[in-house]
Amino acid sequence: MNRPIIKSLGPPPEMYADRIVAEMMRYIVAAQTKRWKDIEAIITEVTLRRSDGNPGGQAKLAKRIKKAGQAFIFDVFLEPGKRGKYVLHILDVSGFDPADKSCIMNVTDIPEKPWLSCNATKIHSKGRSLYDDKGLAFLFITHHSMSRLAQRCGAKEPRDLLDAVHSIWSAYLDIYDFHKTKVPNDLRLRFTLKGSDHAYAVLAHHEDGCGGMVVATILPPDAF
């Protein structure tokens, strides 16, 4: 799949932006699914070799996961332990199918207009190659919001979308901590764009039983 780019001079028309941003979102999700499979292969390799038995090996695993995930891993935190007992906390972005309300695991499952979700994944190693994992989606990024990012803030290519997602996630974690998990509905979240510019992500409560918040749209810097 070729990397989609918005080629219009100035702000793109709405229908054109919607179409190209949908291609960008599919491109991003396809790349993310490949990176996550690379991470799964790393964990399988470490499990077979049992090279995560001590804190040093566990720290190496955490670094390998972050490196393999590239732009799709926000951060990896390690709670080290002995005899292969430890916990990894992975903050990541993945594809999300709003119709199925599920994380996208395979390229063949990518819908026409996928969303992105910002997640916290916990991998608990109990030793002897026994693992539990649990993931929770905190923030959903809609196709509509990324199309508005292109129309109102000049996003042109997939990397621009991912940079904005990183910035929105960082700003969201700050207010999530401030509000003690009770983030108000319809909040205007200020986030930084490339350079010194900024924009606002409008947050809404997810009403479909998935929990978390949804970035419903993006407002330009002069919206207020």
N, C-alpha and C. Protein backbone atom coordinates (compact mmCIF):
# COMPACT_ATOMS: atom_id res chain seq x y z
N MET A 1 0.85 -1.18 0.00
CA MET A 1 0.00 0.00 0.00
C MET A 1 0.89 1.24 0.00
N ASN A 2 0.70 2.12 -0.99
CA ASN A 2 1.46 3.36 -1.06
C ASN A 2 1.02 4.32 0.05
N ARG A 3 1.97 5.12 0.52
CA ARG A 3 1.65 6.07 1.59
C ARG A 3 0.76 7.18 1.06
N PRO A 4 -0.47 7.29 1.57
CA PRO A 4 -1.39 8.33 1.08
C PRO A 4 -1.00 9.71 1.59
N ILE A 5 -1.15 10.70 0.76
CA ILE A 5 -0.79 12.08 1.09
C ILE A 5 -1.86 13.02 0.55
N ILE A 6 -2.21 14.03 1.32
CA ILE A 6 -3.10 15.08 0.83
C ILE A 6 -2.28 16.05 0.00
N LYS A 7 -2.67 16.24 -1.26
CA LYS A 7 -1.87 17.03 -2.20
C LYS A 7 -2.47 18.39 -2.52
N SER A 8 -3.58 18.73 -1.90
CA SER A 8 -4.22 20.01 -2.21
C SER A 8 -3.39 21.17 -1.68
N LEU A 9 -3.47 22.29 -2.37
CA LEU A 9 -2.85 23.52 -1.91
C LEU A 9 -3.84 24.22 -0.98
N GLY A 10 -3.42 24.47 0.25
CA GLY A 10 -4.35 25.04 1.20
C GLY A 10 -5.22 23.96 1.82
N PRO A 11 -6.23 24.37 2.61
CA PRO A 11 -7.10 23.39 3.27
C PRO A 11 -7.83 22.52 2.25
N PRO A 12 -7.84 21.21 2.44
CA PRO A 12 -8.49 20.31 1.48
C PRO A 12 -10.01 20.38 1.61
N PRO A 13 -10.75 20.19 0.50
CA PRO A 13 -12.21 20.09 0.59
C PRO A 13 -12.62 18.92 1.47
N GLU A 14 -13.80 19.01 2.07
CA GLU A 14 -14.23 18.01 3.06
C GLU A 14 -14.27 16.60 2.49
N MET A 15 -14.89 16.41 1.32
CA MET A 15 -15.01 15.06 0.76
C MET A 15 -13.65 14.48 0.40
N TYR A 16 -12.76 15.32 -0.12
CA TYR A 16 -11.42 14.87 -0.46
C TYR A 16 -10.66 14.48 0.80
N ALA A 17 -10.76 15.32 1.84
CA ALA A 17 -10.07 15.03 3.11
C ALA A 17 -10.60 13.74 3.72
N ASP A 18 -11.92 13.56 3.70
CA ASP A 18 -12.50 12.33 4.27
C ASP A 18 -11.94 11.09 3.58
N ARG A 19 -11.84 11.14 2.26
CA ARG A 19 -11.38 9.98 1.50
C ARG A 19 -9.90 9.68 1.77
N ILE A 20 -9.06 10.72 1.69
CA ILE A 20 -7.62 10.50 1.87
C ILE A 20 -7.29 10.15 3.32
N VAL A 21 -7.97 10.77 4.26
CA VAL A 21 -7.72 10.44 5.67
C VAL A 21 -8.15 9.00 5.97
N ALA A 22 -9.22 8.52 5.34
CA ALA A 22 -9.60 7.12 5.51
C ALA A 22 -8.47 6.21 5.02
N GLU A 23 -7.86 6.57 3.88
CA GLU A 23 -6.72 5.80 3.38
C GLU A 23 -5.55 5.86 4.37
N MET A 24 -5.32 7.05 4.94
CA MET A 24 -4.24 7.20 5.92
C MET A 24 -4.48 6.33 7.14
N MET A 25 -5.73 6.33 7.62
CA MET A 25 -6.05 5.54 8.81
C MET A 25 -5.85 4.04 8.53
N ARG A 26 -6.26 3.59 7.35
CA ARG A 26 -6.05 2.17 7.00
C ARG A 26 -4.56 1.87 6.89
N TYR A 27 -3.80 2.81 6.34
CA TYR A 27 -2.34 2.66 6.22
C TYR A 27 -1.71 2.54 7.60
N ILE A 28 -2.13 3.40 8.53
CA ILE A 28 -1.59 3.39 9.89
C ILE A 28 -1.93 2.08 10.59
N VAL A 29 -3.18 1.66 10.49
CA VAL A 29 -3.60 0.44 11.18
C VAL A 29 -2.89 -0.79 10.61
N ALA A 30 -2.71 -0.83 9.29
CA ALA A 30 -1.98 -1.95 8.69
C ALA A 30 -0.55 -2.02 9.22
N ALA A 31 0.10 -0.85 9.33
CA ALA A 31 1.46 -0.82 9.85
C ALA A 31 1.49 -1.23 11.33
N GLN A 32 0.48 -0.80 12.08
CA GLN A 32 0.43 -1.14 13.51
C GLN A 32 0.26 -2.64 13.73
N THR A 33 -0.60 -3.27 12.94
CA THR A 33 -0.81 -4.71 13.12
C THR A 33 0.48 -5.49 12.87
N LYS A 34 1.27 -5.03 11.91
CA LYS A 34 2.56 -5.69 11.64
C LYS A 34 3.51 -5.50 12.83
N ARG A 35 3.56 -4.29 13.36
CA ARG A 35 4.45 -4.03 14.50
C ARG A 35 4.04 -4.85 15.71
N TRP A 36 2.73 -5.01 15.92
CA TRP A 36 2.29 -5.78 17.10
C TRP A 36 2.63 -7.25 16.94
N LYS A 37 2.56 -7.75 15.72
CA LYS A 37 2.97 -9.14 15.49
C LYS A 37 4.47 -9.31 15.74
N ASP A 38 5.27 -8.29 15.41
CA ASP A 38 6.70 -8.31 15.73
C ASP A 38 6.91 -8.39 17.24
N ILE A 39 6.09 -7.64 17.98
CA ILE A 39 6.19 -7.65 19.44
C ILE A 39 5.80 -9.03 19.99
N GLU A 40 4.74 -9.61 19.45
CA GLU A 40 4.33 -10.95 19.89
C GLU A 40 5.44 -11.97 19.62
N ALA A 41 6.15 -11.82 18.47
CA ALA A 41 7.24 -12.74 18.14
C ALA A 41 8.40 -12.59 19.14
N ILE A 42 8.66 -11.36 19.56
CA ILE A 42 9.72 -11.11 20.55
C ILE A 42 9.36 -11.78 21.87
N ILE A 43 8.11 -11.62 22.32
CA ILE A 43 7.68 -12.21 23.58
C ILE A 43 7.74 -13.74 23.50
N THR A 44 7.34 -14.29 22.36
CA THR A 44 7.41 -15.75 22.17
C THR A 44 8.85 -16.24 22.24
N GLU A 45 9.75 -15.51 21.58
CA GLU A 45 11.18 -15.88 21.59
C GLU A 45 11.73 -15.86 23.01
N VAL A 46 11.41 -14.79 23.75
CA VAL A 46 11.91 -14.68 25.12
C VAL A 46 11.33 -15.79 26.00
N THR A 47 10.05 -16.13 25.75
CA THR A 47 9.42 -17.19 26.52
C THR A 47 10.12 -18.53 26.28
N LEU A 48 10.41 -18.83 25.02
CA LEU A 48 11.05 -20.10 24.69
C LEU A 48 12.47 -20.18 25.25
N ARG A 49 13.17 -19.06 25.20
CA ARG A 49 14.55 -19.04 25.70
C ARG A 49 14.62 -18.83 27.20
N ARG A 50 13.50 -18.38 27.79
CA ARG A 50 13.44 -18.07 29.22
C ARG A 50 14.54 -17.08 29.62
N SER A 51 14.67 -16.06 28.79
CA SER A 51 15.71 -15.05 29.05
C SER A 51 15.18 -13.87 29.86
N ASP A 52 13.97 -14.01 30.40
CA ASP A 52 13.37 -12.94 31.20
C ASP A 52 13.28 -13.33 32.67
N GLY A 53 14.19 -14.19 33.11
CA GLY A 53 14.12 -14.69 34.49
C GLY A 53 14.60 -13.72 35.54
N ASN A 54 15.37 -12.70 35.13
CA ASN A 54 15.91 -11.75 36.10
C ASN A 54 15.61 -10.32 35.63
N PRO A 55 15.75 -9.33 36.52
CA PRO A 55 15.43 -7.94 36.15
C PRO A 55 16.19 -7.42 34.94
N GLY A 56 17.44 -7.86 34.76
CA GLY A 56 18.21 -7.42 33.60
C GLY A 56 17.59 -7.88 32.29
N GLY A 57 17.21 -9.16 32.24
CA GLY A 57 16.57 -9.70 31.05
C GLY A 57 15.21 -9.07 30.81
N GLN A 58 14.50 -8.77 31.88
CA GLN A 58 13.19 -8.14 31.77
C GLN A 58 13.31 -6.71 31.22
N ALA A 59 14.34 -6.00 31.66
CA ALA A 59 14.57 -4.64 31.15
C ALA A 59 14.91 -4.66 29.66
N LYS A 60 15.67 -5.66 29.25
CA LYS A 60 16.00 -5.80 27.82
C LYS A 60 14.74 -6.08 27.00
N LEU A 61 13.87 -6.90 27.55
CA LEU A 61 12.61 -7.20 26.87
C LEU A 61 11.78 -5.93 26.70
N ALA A 62 11.68 -5.13 27.75
CA ALA A 62 10.91 -3.88 27.68
C ALA A 62 11.46 -2.96 26.60
N LYS A 63 12.78 -2.86 26.51
CA LYS A 63 13.41 -2.01 25.50
C LYS A 63 13.15 -2.54 24.09
N ARG A 64 13.20 -3.86 23.93
CA ARG A 64 12.96 -4.46 22.62
C ARG A 64 11.52 -4.22 22.17
N ILE A 65 10.59 -4.30 23.10
CA ILE A 65 9.19 -4.06 22.77
C ILE A 65 8.99 -2.61 22.31
N LYS A 66 9.57 -1.68 23.05
CA LYS A 66 9.42 -0.27 22.68
C LYS A 66 10.06 0.01 21.33
N LYS A 67 11.22 -0.57 21.07
CA LYS A 67 11.89 -0.36 19.79
C LYS A 67 11.11 -0.98 18.64
N ALA A 68 10.57 -2.18 18.84
CA ALA A 68 9.82 -2.86 17.78
C ALA A 68 8.52 -2.13 17.47
N GLY A 69 7.89 -1.55 18.50
CA GLY A 69 6.62 -0.85 18.29
C GLY A 69 6.74 0.48 17.61
N GLN A 70 7.94 1.08 17.67
CA GLN A 70 8.20 2.37 17.05
C GLN A 70 7.14 3.39 17.47
N ALA A 71 6.53 4.08 16.49
CA ALA A 71 5.60 5.17 16.81
C ALA A 71 4.30 4.68 17.43
N PHE A 72 4.06 3.37 17.43
CA PHE A 72 2.81 2.83 17.96
C PHE A 72 2.89 2.49 19.44
N ILE A 73 4.07 2.63 20.02
CA ILE A 73 4.25 2.43 21.47
C ILE A 73 4.57 3.77 22.10
N PHE A 74 3.69 4.23 22.99
CA PHE A 74 3.95 5.48 23.69
C PHE A 74 5.04 5.27 24.75
N ASP A 75 4.92 4.20 25.52
CA ASP A 75 5.91 3.93 26.55
C ASP A 75 5.72 2.51 27.09
N VAL A 76 6.76 2.00 27.73
CA VAL A 76 6.72 0.69 28.37
C VAL A 76 7.30 0.83 29.78
N PHE A 77 6.56 0.36 30.77
CA PHE A 77 7.00 0.43 32.16
C PHE A 77 7.14 -1.00 32.70
N LEU A 78 8.18 -1.20 33.46
CA LEU A 78 8.49 -2.53 33.99
C LEU A 78 8.42 -2.54 35.51
N GLU A 79 7.71 -3.54 36.05
CA GLU A 79 7.80 -3.87 37.47
C GLU A 79 8.62 -5.15 37.55
N PRO A 80 9.94 -5.07 37.81
CA PRO A 80 10.80 -6.25 37.74
C PRO A 80 10.55 -7.22 38.90
N GLY A 81 11.00 -8.43 38.69
CA GLY A 81 10.87 -9.43 39.74
C GLY A 81 11.86 -10.57 39.52
N LYS A 82 11.85 -11.52 40.40
CA LYS A 82 12.75 -12.67 40.32
C LYS A 82 12.03 -13.90 39.77
N ARG A 83 12.83 -14.84 39.26
CA ARG A 83 12.34 -16.13 38.76
C ARG A 83 11.26 -15.96 37.69
N GLY A 84 11.44 -14.95 36.84
CA GLY A 84 10.53 -14.74 35.72
C GLY A 84 9.18 -14.17 36.10
N LYS A 85 9.06 -13.64 37.30
CA LYS A 85 7.80 -13.04 37.74
C LYS A 85 7.93 -11.51 37.69
N TYR A 86 7.19 -10.90 36.78
CA TYR A 86 7.27 -9.44 36.59
C TYR A 86 6.03 -8.97 35.87
N VAL A 87 5.89 -7.64 35.76
CA VAL A 87 4.74 -7.04 35.08
C VAL A 87 5.24 -5.98 34.11
N LEU A 88 4.71 -6.02 32.88
CA LEU A 88 4.97 -4.99 31.87
C LEU A 88 3.69 -4.19 31.66
N HIS A 89 3.82 -2.88 31.66
CA HIS A 89 2.72 -1.99 31.34
C HIS A 89 3.07 -1.30 30.01
N ILE A 90 2.25 -1.54 28.99
CA ILE A 90 2.52 -1.00 27.66
C ILE A 90 1.43 0.01 27.30
N LEU A 91 1.83 1.23 27.00
CA LEU A 91 0.91 2.26 26.51
C LEU A 91 1.08 2.32 25.00
N ASP A 92 0.01 2.02 24.29
CA ASP A 92 0.14 1.87 22.84
C ASP A 92 -1.07 2.43 22.11
N VAL A 93 -0.93 2.57 20.80
CA VAL A 93 -2.04 2.94 19.93
C VAL A 93 -2.29 1.79 18.97
N SER A 94 -3.56 1.48 18.73
CA SER A 94 -3.92 0.39 17.84
C SER A 94 -5.12 0.78 17.00
N GLY A 95 -5.43 -0.05 16.01
CA GLY A 95 -6.63 0.17 15.22
C GLY A 95 -7.86 -0.31 15.96
N PHE A 96 -8.99 0.35 15.70
CA PHE A 96 -10.24 0.01 16.38
C PHE A 96 -11.37 0.04 15.36
N ASP A 97 -12.20 -1.00 15.39
CA ASP A 97 -13.37 -1.08 14.50
C ASP A 97 -14.59 -0.59 15.28
N PRO A 98 -15.12 0.60 14.94
CA PRO A 98 -16.24 1.14 15.73
C PRO A 98 -17.53 0.34 15.57
N ALA A 99 -17.68 -0.38 14.46
CA ALA A 99 -18.88 -1.19 14.26
C ALA A 99 -18.86 -2.43 15.14
N ASP A 100 -17.71 -3.11 15.18
CA ASP A 100 -17.58 -4.33 15.99
C ASP A 100 -17.17 -4.04 17.43
N LYS A 101 -16.79 -2.77 17.68
CA LYS A 101 -16.31 -2.38 19.02
C LYS A 101 -15.15 -3.27 19.46
N SER A 102 -14.20 -3.46 18.55
CA SER A 102 -13.09 -4.37 18.85
C SER A 102 -11.78 -3.84 18.27
N CYS A 103 -10.71 -4.27 18.91
CA CYS A 103 -9.36 -3.95 18.44
C CYS A 103 -9.11 -4.71 17.14
N ILE A 104 -8.43 -4.07 16.20
CA ILE A 104 -8.14 -4.69 14.91
C ILE A 104 -6.81 -5.43 15.01
N MET A 105 -6.84 -6.73 14.79
CA MET A 105 -5.65 -7.55 14.95
C MET A 105 -5.02 -7.97 13.63
N ASN A 106 -5.82 -7.96 12.55
CA ASN A 106 -5.32 -8.43 11.26
C ASN A 106 -5.63 -7.43 10.15
N VAL A 107 -4.75 -7.38 9.17
CA VAL A 107 -4.92 -6.46 8.04
C VAL A 107 -6.23 -6.71 7.32
N THR A 108 -6.64 -7.97 7.24
CA THR A 108 -7.87 -8.31 6.51
C THR A 108 -9.13 -7.83 7.23
N ASP A 109 -8.99 -7.40 8.48
CA ASP A 109 -10.15 -6.97 9.27
C ASP A 109 -10.32 -5.45 9.31
N ILE A 110 -9.50 -4.71 8.57
CA ILE A 110 -9.55 -3.25 8.63
C ILE A 110 -10.77 -2.73 7.89
N PRO A 111 -11.66 -1.97 8.54
CA PRO A 111 -12.85 -1.44 7.87
C PRO A 111 -12.51 -0.22 7.00
N GLU A 112 -13.50 0.29 6.31
CA GLU A 112 -13.29 1.43 5.41
C GLU A 112 -12.78 2.66 6.15
N LYS A 113 -13.36 2.92 7.32
CA LYS A 113 -12.98 4.10 8.10
C LYS A 113 -12.67 3.67 9.54
N PRO A 114 -11.50 3.10 9.76
CA PRO A 114 -11.16 2.66 11.12
C PRO A 114 -10.91 3.84 12.04
N TRP A 115 -11.05 3.59 13.33
CA TRP A 115 -10.62 4.53 14.36
C TRP A 115 -9.26 4.07 14.87
N LEU A 116 -8.68 4.88 15.75
CA LEU A 116 -7.52 4.48 16.52
C LEU A 116 -7.91 4.49 17.99
N SER A 117 -7.28 3.63 18.77
CA SER A 117 -7.51 3.64 20.22
C SER A 117 -6.18 3.70 20.95
N CYS A 118 -6.17 4.49 22.01
CA CYS A 118 -4.99 4.60 22.87
C CYS A 118 -5.25 3.71 24.09
N ASN A 119 -4.33 2.76 24.32
CA ASN A 119 -4.60 1.68 25.25
C ASN A 119 -3.53 1.56 26.33
N ALA A 120 -3.92 0.91 27.41
CA ALA A 120 -2.97 0.46 28.43
C ALA A 120 -3.07 -1.06 28.48
N THR A 121 -1.97 -1.72 28.16
CA THR A 121 -1.92 -3.18 28.15
C THR A 121 -1.01 -3.66 29.27
N LYS A 122 -1.51 -4.59 30.07
CA LYS A 122 -0.74 -5.14 31.19
C LYS A 122 -0.41 -6.60 30.91
N ILE A 123 0.88 -6.92 30.89
CA ILE A 123 1.34 -8.29 30.71
C ILE A 123 1.96 -8.76 32.02
N HIS A 124 1.35 -9.76 32.63
CA HIS A 124 1.80 -10.27 33.93
C HIS A 124 2.45 -11.63 33.73
N SER A 125 3.75 -11.68 33.92
CA SER A 125 4.47 -12.95 33.83
C SER A 125 4.51 -13.61 35.21
N LYS A 126 4.02 -14.84 35.25
CA LYS A 126 3.96 -15.56 36.52
C LYS A 126 5.11 -16.54 36.71
N GLY A 127 6.05 -16.50 35.74
CA GLY A 127 7.14 -17.46 35.77
C GLY A 127 6.77 -18.74 35.05
N ARG A 128 7.80 -19.52 34.71
CA ARG A 128 7.61 -20.79 34.00
C ARG A 128 6.82 -20.61 32.70
N SER A 129 7.04 -19.49 32.03
CA SER A 129 6.42 -19.20 30.74
C SER A 129 4.90 -19.08 30.81
N LEU A 130 4.38 -18.70 31.97
CA LEU A 130 2.95 -18.48 32.14
C LEU A 130 2.67 -16.99 32.18
N TYR A 131 1.75 -16.52 31.33
CA TYR A 131 1.46 -15.09 31.22
C TYR A 131 -0.04 -14.84 31.25
N ASP A 132 -0.41 -13.73 31.85
CA ASP A 132 -1.75 -13.17 31.72
C ASP A 132 -1.61 -11.80 31.07
N ASP A 133 -2.55 -11.44 30.23
CA ASP A 133 -2.51 -10.08 29.67
C ASP A 133 -3.91 -9.49 29.68
N LYS A 134 -3.97 -8.19 29.87
CA LYS A 134 -5.23 -7.48 29.92
C LYS A 134 -5.05 -6.10 29.33
N GLY A 135 -5.94 -5.70 28.44
CA GLY A 135 -5.85 -4.39 27.82
C GLY A 135 -7.09 -3.56 28.06
N LEU A 136 -6.90 -2.25 28.15
CA LEU A 136 -8.01 -1.33 28.36
C LEU A 136 -7.82 -0.12 27.45
N ALA A 137 -8.85 0.19 26.67
CA ALA A 137 -8.80 1.36 25.78
C ALA A 137 -9.28 2.58 26.56
N PHE A 138 -8.46 3.61 26.59
CA PHE A 138 -8.80 4.82 27.33
C PHE A 138 -9.35 5.93 26.43
N LEU A 139 -8.84 5.98 25.20
CA LEU A 139 -9.15 7.13 24.34
C LEU A 139 -9.31 6.64 22.90
N PHE A 140 -10.43 7.01 22.27
CA PHE A 140 -10.70 6.63 20.90
C PHE A 140 -10.58 7.83 19.97
N ILE A 141 -9.87 7.66 18.86
CA ILE A 141 -9.64 8.72 17.88
C ILE A 141 -10.47 8.40 16.64
N THR A 142 -11.48 9.18 16.35
CA THR A 142 -12.37 8.88 15.23
C THR A 142 -11.77 9.31 13.90
N HIS A 143 -12.25 8.67 12.83
CA HIS A 143 -11.87 9.10 11.48
C HIS A 143 -12.30 10.54 11.26
N HIS A 144 -13.49 10.90 11.73
CA HIS A 144 -13.99 12.26 11.55
C HIS A 144 -13.04 13.29 12.16
N SER A 145 -12.54 13.00 13.36
CA SER A 145 -11.65 13.97 14.02
C SER A 145 -10.34 14.15 13.25
N MET A 146 -9.81 13.07 12.68
CA MET A 146 -8.57 13.17 11.93
C MET A 146 -8.80 13.88 10.58
N SER A 147 -10.00 13.71 10.01
CA SER A 147 -10.33 14.46 8.80
C SER A 147 -10.39 15.95 9.10
N ARG A 148 -10.96 16.30 10.25
CA ARG A 148 -11.00 17.71 10.65
C ARG A 148 -9.59 18.24 10.93
N LEU A 149 -8.72 17.38 11.44
CA LEU A 149 -7.33 17.78 11.64
C LEU A 149 -6.70 18.18 10.31
N ALA A 150 -6.99 17.41 9.28
CA ALA A 150 -6.46 17.73 7.95
C ALA A 150 -7.06 19.01 7.40
N GLN A 151 -8.36 19.19 7.58
CA GLN A 151 -9.04 20.34 7.01
C GLN A 151 -8.70 21.64 7.75
N ARG A 152 -8.53 21.54 9.06
CA ARG A 152 -8.41 22.76 9.87
C ARG A 152 -6.99 23.05 10.35
N CYS A 153 -6.14 22.02 10.37
CA CYS A 153 -4.81 22.21 10.96
C CYS A 153 -3.67 21.80 10.03
N GLY A 154 -3.99 21.44 8.79
CA GLY A 154 -2.95 21.22 7.80
C GLY A 154 -2.26 19.87 7.82
N ALA A 155 -2.85 18.86 8.48
CA ALA A 155 -2.25 17.52 8.44
C ALA A 155 -2.28 17.00 7.00
N LYS A 156 -1.15 16.48 6.54
CA LYS A 156 -1.03 16.08 5.13
C LYS A 156 -0.74 14.60 4.93
N GLU A 157 -0.14 13.94 5.92
CA GLU A 157 0.31 12.57 5.73
C GLU A 157 0.13 11.76 7.02
N PRO A 158 0.28 10.43 6.94
CA PRO A 158 0.04 9.59 8.11
C PRO A 158 0.85 9.99 9.34
N ARG A 159 2.10 10.40 9.14
CA ARG A 159 2.93 10.78 10.29
C ARG A 159 2.34 11.98 11.03
N ASP A 160 1.71 12.91 10.28
CA ASP A 160 1.07 14.06 10.92
C ASP A 160 -0.06 13.60 11.84
N LEU A 161 -0.83 12.60 11.40
CA LEU A 161 -1.90 12.08 12.24
C LEU A 161 -1.34 11.42 13.49
N LEU A 162 -0.30 10.60 13.33
CA LEU A 162 0.29 9.91 14.49
C LEU A 162 0.91 10.91 15.47
N ASP A 163 1.57 11.94 14.94
CA ASP A 163 2.14 12.97 15.83
C ASP A 163 1.04 13.64 16.65
N ALA A 164 -0.10 13.92 16.00
CA ALA A 164 -1.22 14.54 16.71
C ALA A 164 -1.79 13.59 17.76
N VAL A 165 -1.88 12.30 17.43
CA VAL A 165 -2.40 11.31 18.40
C VAL A 165 -1.48 11.25 19.62
N HIS A 166 -0.18 11.26 19.40
CA HIS A 166 0.77 11.27 20.52
C HIS A 166 0.53 12.48 21.41
N SER A 167 0.36 13.64 20.79
CA SER A 167 0.17 14.87 21.54
C SER A 167 -1.16 14.88 22.29
N ILE A 168 -2.22 14.41 21.64
CA ILE A 168 -3.53 14.32 22.29
C ILE A 168 -3.48 13.37 23.47
N TRP A 169 -2.84 12.22 23.29
CA TRP A 169 -2.72 11.23 24.37
C TRP A 169 -1.97 11.80 25.56
N SER A 170 -0.88 12.51 25.30
CA SER A 170 -0.09 13.11 26.37
C SER A 170 -0.93 14.13 27.14
N ALA A 171 -1.65 14.98 26.41
CA ALA A 171 -2.50 15.99 27.06
C ALA A 171 -3.64 15.32 27.83
N TYR A 172 -4.17 14.23 27.28
CA TYR A 172 -5.26 13.51 27.94
C TYR A 172 -4.80 12.89 29.26
N LEU A 173 -3.61 12.31 29.28
CA LEU A 173 -3.10 11.72 30.51
C LEU A 173 -2.98 12.78 31.61
N ASP A 174 -2.59 13.99 31.23
CA ASP A 174 -2.48 15.07 32.22
C ASP A 174 -3.84 15.39 32.84
N ILE A 175 -4.88 15.52 32.01
CA ILE A 175 -6.19 15.89 32.57
C ILE A 175 -6.87 14.67 33.21
N TYR A 176 -6.53 13.47 32.74
CA TYR A 176 -7.07 12.25 33.35
C TYR A 176 -6.63 12.16 34.80
N ASP A 177 -5.37 12.45 35.03
CA ASP A 177 -4.84 12.44 36.39
C ASP A 177 -5.46 13.56 37.22
N PHE A 178 -5.63 14.75 36.60
CA PHE A 178 -6.19 15.90 37.31
C PHE A 178 -7.64 15.63 37.74
N HIS A 179 -8.42 15.02 36.84
CA HIS A 179 -9.84 14.77 37.14
C HIS A 179 -10.07 13.45 37.87
N LYS A 180 -8.99 12.74 38.18
CA LYS A 180 -9.10 11.48 38.92
C LYS A 180 -10.05 10.51 38.21
N THR A 181 -9.83 10.35 36.94
CA THR A 181 -10.53 9.44 36.03
C THR A 181 -11.92 9.92 35.60
N LYS A 182 -12.48 10.97 36.22
CA LYS A 182 -13.82 11.46 35.86
C LYS A 182 -13.68 12.66 34.92
N VAL A 183 -13.37 12.38 33.67
CA VAL A 183 -13.18 13.44 32.69
C VAL A 183 -14.55 13.95 32.25
N PRO A 184 -14.79 15.26 32.30
CA PRO A 184 -16.11 15.78 31.93
C PRO A 184 -16.40 15.64 30.45
N ASN A 185 -17.68 15.52 30.13
CA ASN A 185 -18.12 15.42 28.75
C ASN A 185 -17.95 16.75 28.04
N ASP A 186 -17.70 16.72 26.74
CA ASP A 186 -17.59 17.91 25.89
C ASP A 186 -16.41 18.80 26.29
N LEU A 187 -15.38 18.21 26.85
CA LEU A 187 -14.19 18.97 27.24
C LEU A 187 -13.37 19.36 26.02
N ARG A 188 -12.90 20.59 25.96
CA ARG A 188 -11.98 21.04 24.91
C ARG A 188 -10.56 20.84 25.41
N LEU A 189 -9.88 19.88 24.85
CA LEU A 189 -8.53 19.51 25.29
C LEU A 189 -7.50 20.17 24.38
N ARG A 190 -6.73 21.07 24.92
CA ARG A 190 -5.68 21.73 24.13
C ARG A 190 -4.48 20.80 23.98
N PHE A 191 -4.00 20.67 22.75
CA PHE A 191 -2.81 19.85 22.50
C PHE A 191 -1.91 20.56 21.51
N THR A 192 -0.63 20.18 21.51
CA THR A 192 0.38 20.84 20.69
C THR A 192 0.49 20.18 19.32
N LEU A 193 0.57 21.00 18.29
CA LEU A 193 0.86 20.52 16.95
C LEU A 193 2.35 20.70 16.68
N LYS A 194 2.80 20.30 15.50
CA LYS A 194 4.21 20.47 15.16
C LYS A 194 4.58 21.95 15.24
N GLY A 195 5.76 22.21 15.75
CA GLY A 195 6.19 23.59 15.94
C GLY A 195 5.57 24.13 17.21
N SER A 196 5.11 25.38 17.16
CA SER A 196 4.53 26.01 18.34
C SER A 196 3.01 26.13 18.25
N ASP A 197 2.42 25.57 17.21
CA ASP A 197 0.97 25.66 17.04
C ASP A 197 0.25 24.74 18.01
N HIS A 198 -1.03 24.97 18.15
CA HIS A 198 -1.85 24.10 18.98
C HIS A 198 -3.25 23.99 18.36
N ALA A 199 -4.04 23.06 18.88
CA ALA A 199 -5.42 22.88 18.46
C ALA A 199 -6.18 22.32 19.65
N TYR A 200 -7.47 22.05 19.46
CA TYR A 200 -8.30 21.53 20.54
C TYR A 200 -9.00 20.25 20.09
N ALA A 201 -8.91 19.22 20.93
CA ALA A 201 -9.64 17.98 20.70
C ALA A 201 -10.89 18.02 21.58
N VAL A 202 -12.05 17.85 20.96
CA VAL A 202 -13.31 17.85 21.71
C VAL A 202 -13.60 16.42 22.17
N LEU A 203 -13.66 16.23 23.48
CA LEU A 203 -13.85 14.89 24.05
C LEU A 203 -15.30 14.63 24.41
N ALA A 204 -15.74 13.42 24.17
CA ALA A 204 -17.09 13.00 24.54
C ALA A 204 -17.00 11.63 25.19
N HIS A 205 -17.92 11.35 26.10
CA HIS A 205 -17.96 10.02 26.72
C HIS A 205 -18.35 8.98 25.68
N HIS A 206 -17.69 7.84 25.72
CA HIS A 206 -18.03 6.74 24.82
C HIS A 206 -19.34 6.12 25.31
N GLU A 207 -20.35 6.12 24.45
CA GLU A 207 -21.69 5.70 24.87
C GLU A 207 -22.04 4.27 24.47
N ASP A 208 -21.10 3.52 23.91
CA ASP A 208 -21.42 2.20 23.38
C ASP A 208 -20.93 1.05 24.26
N GLY A 209 -20.68 1.36 25.52
CA GLY A 209 -20.32 0.29 26.43
C GLY A 209 -18.85 -0.06 26.46
N CYS A 210 -18.03 0.70 25.72
CA CYS A 210 -16.60 0.39 25.68
C CYS A 210 -15.81 1.18 26.72
N GLY A 211 -16.44 2.17 27.34
CA GLY A 211 -15.73 2.99 28.30
C GLY A 211 -14.82 3.99 27.62
N GLY A 212 -14.09 4.76 28.42
CA GLY A 212 -13.14 5.71 27.86
C GLY A 212 -13.82 6.93 27.26
N MET A 213 -13.00 7.72 26.55
CA MET A 213 -13.47 8.95 25.92
C MET A 213 -13.21 8.88 24.42
N VAL A 214 -13.98 9.64 23.67
CA VAL A 214 -13.86 9.70 22.22
C VAL A 214 -13.44 11.11 21.81
N VAL A 215 -12.44 11.20 20.93
CA VAL A 215 -12.13 12.50 20.31
C VAL A 215 -13.12 12.66 19.17
N ALA A 216 -14.13 13.49 19.41
CA ALA A 216 -15.24 13.62 18.45
C ALA A 216 -14.87 14.50 17.27
N THR A 217 -14.11 15.57 17.53
CA THR A 217 -13.70 16.46 16.45
C THR A 217 -12.48 17.26 16.89
N ILE A 218 -11.91 18.00 15.96
CA ILE A 218 -10.75 18.85 16.23
C ILE A 218 -11.11 20.29 15.88
N LEU A 219 -10.81 21.21 16.78
CA LEU A 219 -11.04 22.62 16.53
C LEU A 219 -9.71 23.33 16.33
N PRO A 220 -9.67 24.34 15.45
CA PRO A 220 -8.43 25.06 15.16
C PRO A 220 -8.02 25.97 16.31
N PRO A 221 -6.80 26.52 16.29
CA PRO A 221 -6.29 27.35 17.38
C PRO A 221 -7.17 28.59 17.66
N ASP A 222 -7.78 29.13 16.60
CA ASP A 222 -8.57 30.36 16.78
C ASP A 222 -10.03 30.08 17.12
N ALA A 223 -10.32 28.86 17.59
CA ALA A 223 -11.71 28.52 17.93
C ALA A 223 -12.19 29.24 19.17
N PHE A 224 -11.25 29.70 20.00
CA PHE A 224 -11.64 30.39 21.24
C PHE A 224 -10.99 31.76 21.29
